[in-house]
Amino acid sequence: MEQVNLVVLIFGLVLFMFGCAAFGRWLGRRLIRPRSDPSSTVVQMQSWRPKQKMKAARRRLPSPQAMLPGLLIGFAVLLLAFFQLVPYLGLNDTTLTGRVTHVRDGDTIEVNGQVIRLNGLTCDERGTPLGNQATMAMQVLASGEAVTCTLNGEQTYDREVGRCSLADGRDLGAELIRQGICGRCARYDPLRTYAALQQEAERFSGAYPGYCRSTW
């Protein structure tokens, strides 16, 4: 079963919050003392049992030193997953609009001369039967068309990374996955935007590169 960075982020957050709650409970037990009036023997007698219960509860609670590894691990997992997801959370997004001036292959196009690698999509290389089919499909779909691209700030070689859609709202990557000539690149689709579409479409029969496999 595929694991995605979003699940890891949630797991790290839950683990960290659980550690904070446990530490807060321990601290509360240490700081809070039952109030009693030393001049009142009755109150002293009544407060004896709560004190005994709190002492027993403190003995059952783990020490801060025992909680620290869990807190650190949870925090580290949280940070790791967060930085893995930063490009997909829209924090560095920029928008490019223009016309598709050239189609390099099924998953790489040029918009106003800017080269864009379509994120979360994998197509076979040109020169292979399925790769040539993907290139032709993208040419038919997008060549000369007005598109709006959301770029996530990443770069690969000379290419910006992002996703593009036509004026009618159709996502270019989604269209090729739907046709079964390209596949979902899981590692670069951690929010699972194309997951349901890939399940509904024909199984991708092309080469599935190792870098597309999820690292989590």
Protein backbone atom coordinates (compact mmCIF):
# COMPACT_ATOMS: atom_id res chain seq x y z
CA MET A 1 0.00 0.00 0.00
CA GLU A 2 1.44 3.34 -1.03
CA GLN A 3 2.39 5.73 1.77
CA VAL A 4 2.53 9.42 1.03
CA ASN A 5 4.23 12.35 2.69
CA LEU A 6 0.89 13.79 3.76
CA VAL A 7 0.26 10.74 5.94
CA VAL A 8 3.74 11.10 7.44
CA LEU A 9 3.08 14.77 8.17
CA ILE A 10 -0.14 13.91 10.00
CA PHE A 11 1.57 11.07 11.88
CA GLY A 12 4.41 13.35 12.97
CA LEU A 13 1.95 16.03 14.08
CA VAL A 14 -0.09 13.54 16.12
CA LEU A 15 3.04 12.05 17.70
CA PHE A 16 4.40 15.48 18.57
CA MET A 17 1.07 16.64 20.03
CA PHE A 18 0.78 13.45 22.06
CA GLY A 19 4.26 14.02 23.47
CA CYS A 20 3.41 17.64 24.32
CA ALA A 21 0.19 16.54 26.02
CA ALA A 22 2.03 13.92 28.06
CA PHE A 23 4.68 16.43 29.08
CA GLY A 24 2.00 18.99 29.97
CA ARG A 25 0.22 16.44 32.11
CA TRP A 26 3.46 15.60 33.90
CA LEU A 27 4.21 19.28 34.46
CA GLY A 28 0.70 19.90 35.76
CA ARG A 29 1.04 17.08 38.24
CA ARG A 30 4.30 18.58 39.46
CA LEU A 31 3.07 22.14 39.80
CA ILE A 32 -0.42 21.64 41.19
CA ARG A 33 -0.63 20.93 44.90
CA PRO A 34 -3.84 20.32 46.88
CA ARG A 35 -4.70 23.37 48.94
CA SER A 36 -5.12 22.96 52.66
CA ASP A 37 -5.34 25.16 55.76
CA PRO A 38 -2.62 24.14 58.21
CA SER A 39 -4.83 25.42 61.07
CA SER A 40 -7.59 22.99 60.19
CA THR A 41 -7.07 19.38 61.20
CA VAL A 42 -10.19 18.39 59.26
CA VAL A 43 -8.87 19.84 56.02
CA GLN A 44 -5.50 18.23 56.63
CA MET A 45 -7.15 14.84 57.11
CA GLN A 46 -9.30 15.34 54.00
CA SER A 47 -6.31 16.40 51.92
CA TRP A 48 -4.27 13.36 52.92
CA ARG A 49 -5.89 11.02 50.40
CA PRO A 50 -5.65 13.39 47.40
CA LYS A 51 -1.98 13.89 48.22
CA GLN A 52 -1.44 10.17 48.36
CA LYS A 53 -3.26 9.73 45.04
CA MET A 54 -1.20 12.46 43.39
CA LYS A 55 2.02 10.91 44.66
CA ALA A 56 0.95 7.58 43.20
CA ALA A 57 -0.01 9.27 39.92
CA ARG A 58 3.38 10.99 39.74
CA ARG A 59 5.08 7.66 40.23
CA ARG A 60 3.12 6.23 37.30
CA LEU A 61 3.95 9.13 34.94
CA PRO A 62 7.12 8.82 32.86
CA SER A 63 9.92 11.24 33.57
CA PRO A 64 10.70 14.14 31.20
CA GLN A 65 13.84 12.28 30.16
CA ALA A 66 11.68 9.35 29.05
CA MET A 67 9.31 11.66 27.12
CA LEU A 68 12.09 13.60 25.38
CA PRO A 69 12.93 10.97 22.68
CA GLY A 70 9.28 10.75 21.63
CA LEU A 71 9.00 14.53 21.43
CA LEU A 72 12.20 14.83 19.39
CA ILE A 73 11.26 12.00 17.02
CA GLY A 74 7.79 13.43 16.48
CA PHE A 75 9.21 16.90 15.85
CA ALA A 76 11.84 15.55 13.44
CA VAL A 77 9.24 13.56 11.47
CA LEU A 78 7.00 16.62 11.39
CA LEU A 79 9.78 18.83 10.00
CA LEU A 80 10.91 16.25 7.46
CA ALA A 81 7.41 15.70 6.09
CA PHE A 82 6.70 19.44 6.06
CA PHE A 83 9.80 20.26 3.98
CA GLN A 84 8.96 17.39 1.62
CA LEU A 85 5.51 18.88 1.11
CA VAL A 86 6.46 22.57 0.87
CA PRO A 87 6.52 22.57 -2.97
CA TYR A 88 2.99 21.13 -3.00
CA LEU A 89 1.38 23.39 -0.38
CA GLY A 90 1.24 26.42 -2.65
CA LEU A 91 3.68 28.48 -0.54
CA ASN A 92 5.98 29.25 -3.49
CA ASP A 93 3.47 29.05 -6.31
CA THR A 94 3.61 31.42 -9.24
CA THR A 95 1.21 31.59 -12.16
CA LEU A 96 2.18 31.68 -15.82
CA THR A 97 -0.34 32.27 -18.57
CA GLY A 98 0.27 32.09 -22.30
CA ARG A 99 0.11 29.82 -25.29
CA VAL A 100 1.82 26.49 -25.78
CA THR A 101 4.54 27.31 -28.28
CA HIS A 102 6.16 23.87 -28.41
CA VAL A 103 5.56 20.32 -27.21
CA ARG A 104 8.78 18.50 -26.37
CA ASP A 105 7.11 15.26 -25.34
CA GLY A 106 4.13 14.00 -23.37
CA ASP A 107 5.12 15.55 -20.05
CA THR A 108 7.14 18.60 -21.13
CA ILE A 109 5.78 21.66 -22.94
CA GLU A 110 6.87 25.23 -23.62
CA VAL A 111 4.61 28.17 -22.76
CA ASN A 112 5.72 31.44 -24.32
CA GLY A 113 9.17 29.86 -24.62
CA GLN A 114 9.29 28.81 -20.95
CA VAL A 115 9.92 25.07 -20.58
CA ILE A 116 7.58 23.38 -18.11
CA ARG A 117 7.80 19.85 -16.78
CA LEU A 118 4.29 18.71 -15.86
CA ASN A 119 4.36 17.66 -12.23
CA GLY A 120 3.02 14.29 -11.08
CA LEU A 121 3.02 12.90 -14.62
CA THR A 122 5.27 10.35 -16.32
CA CYS A 123 5.28 9.51 -20.02
CA ASP A 124 7.57 7.29 -22.06
CA GLU A 125 10.39 9.02 -23.91
CA ARG A 126 10.08 10.11 -27.53
CA GLY A 127 11.34 7.47 -29.91
CA THR A 128 9.34 4.73 -28.18
CA PRO A 129 5.88 3.74 -29.45
CA LEU A 130 4.03 4.92 -26.34
CA GLY A 131 6.25 7.98 -26.00
CA ASN A 132 5.51 9.06 -29.57
CA GLN A 133 1.82 8.49 -28.93
CA ALA A 134 1.97 10.65 -25.78
CA THR A 135 3.80 13.43 -27.64
CA MET A 136 1.22 13.40 -30.43
CA ALA A 137 -1.65 13.42 -27.93
CA MET A 138 -0.19 16.44 -26.15
CA GLN A 139 0.29 18.23 -29.47
CA VAL A 140 -3.34 17.64 -30.40
CA LEU A 141 -4.52 18.67 -26.94
CA ALA A 142 -2.42 21.74 -26.24
CA SER A 143 -0.32 22.97 -29.18
CA GLY A 144 -1.14 26.65 -29.78
CA GLU A 145 -3.72 26.65 -26.98
CA ALA A 146 -3.96 29.19 -24.17
CA VAL A 147 -3.02 27.65 -20.84
CA THR A 148 -2.62 28.68 -17.22
CA CYS A 149 0.26 27.04 -15.37
CA THR A 150 0.86 26.93 -11.64
CA LEU A 151 4.60 26.60 -10.99
CA ASN A 152 5.75 25.32 -7.60
CA GLY A 153 9.20 26.93 -7.58
CA GLU A 154 11.16 23.75 -8.30
CA GLN A 155 13.42 23.28 -11.32
CA THR A 156 14.75 20.23 -13.11
CA TYR A 157 17.47 20.93 -15.67
CA ASP A 158 16.18 23.85 -17.75
CA ARG A 159 12.56 23.19 -16.85
CA GLU A 160 10.22 24.80 -14.39
CA VAL A 161 7.95 22.34 -12.58
CA GLY A 162 4.21 22.81 -12.39
CA ARG A 163 0.79 21.90 -13.69
CA CYS A 164 -1.06 23.47 -16.59
CA SER A 165 -4.70 23.61 -17.55
CA LEU A 166 -6.55 24.69 -20.67
CA ALA A 167 -8.95 27.63 -20.81
CA ASP A 168 -11.86 25.24 -20.22
CA GLY A 169 -10.25 24.03 -16.99
CA ARG A 170 -8.97 20.65 -18.19
CA ASP A 171 -5.68 19.65 -16.58
CA LEU A 172 -3.14 18.55 -19.21
CA GLY A 173 -1.63 15.81 -17.06
CA ALA A 174 -5.04 14.50 -16.07
CA GLU A 175 -6.10 14.27 -19.71
CA LEU A 176 -3.15 12.08 -20.68
CA ILE A 177 -3.62 9.85 -17.63
CA ARG A 178 -7.29 9.52 -18.52
CA GLN A 179 -6.33 8.37 -22.02
CA GLY A 180 -4.01 5.72 -20.56
CA ILE A 181 -0.94 6.87 -22.47
CA CYS A 182 0.81 8.45 -19.47
CA GLY A 183 0.82 7.55 -15.80
CA ARG A 184 0.73 9.15 -12.38
CA CYS A 185 4.18 9.82 -10.90
CA ALA A 186 3.38 9.07 -7.25
CA ARG A 187 6.45 10.64 -5.67
CA TYR A 188 5.63 14.01 -7.19
CA ASP A 189 1.93 13.77 -6.49
CA PRO A 190 1.96 13.48 -2.66
CA LEU A 191 -1.42 15.15 -2.29
CA ARG A 192 -2.83 12.39 -4.51
CA THR A 193 -4.41 14.77 -7.01
CA TYR A 194 -4.21 12.14 -9.77
CA ALA A 195 -4.65 9.02 -7.61
CA ALA A 196 -8.38 8.45 -8.18
CA LEU A 197 -8.03 9.29 -11.86
CA GLN A 198 -5.24 6.74 -12.28
CA GLN A 199 -7.38 4.05 -10.66
CA GLU A 200 -10.27 4.81 -13.02
CA ALA A 201 -8.10 4.99 -16.14
CA GLU A 202 -6.52 2.13 -18.00
CA ARG A 203 -3.46 0.75 -16.31
CA PHE A 204 -0.36 2.59 -17.51
CA SER A 205 1.56 0.12 -19.65
CA GLY A 206 4.65 2.25 -20.17
CA ALA A 207 7.94 2.28 -18.31
CA TYR A 208 7.52 3.40 -14.71
CA PRO A 209 10.75 5.16 -13.64
CA GLY A 210 12.20 4.49 -10.21
CA TYR A 211 12.15 8.19 -9.25
CA CYS A 212 8.35 8.13 -9.46
CA ARG A 213 8.01 5.65 -6.64
CA SER A 214 7.01 7.22 -3.36
CA THR A 215 9.85 7.52 -0.86
CA TRP A 216 7.50 7.11 2.11
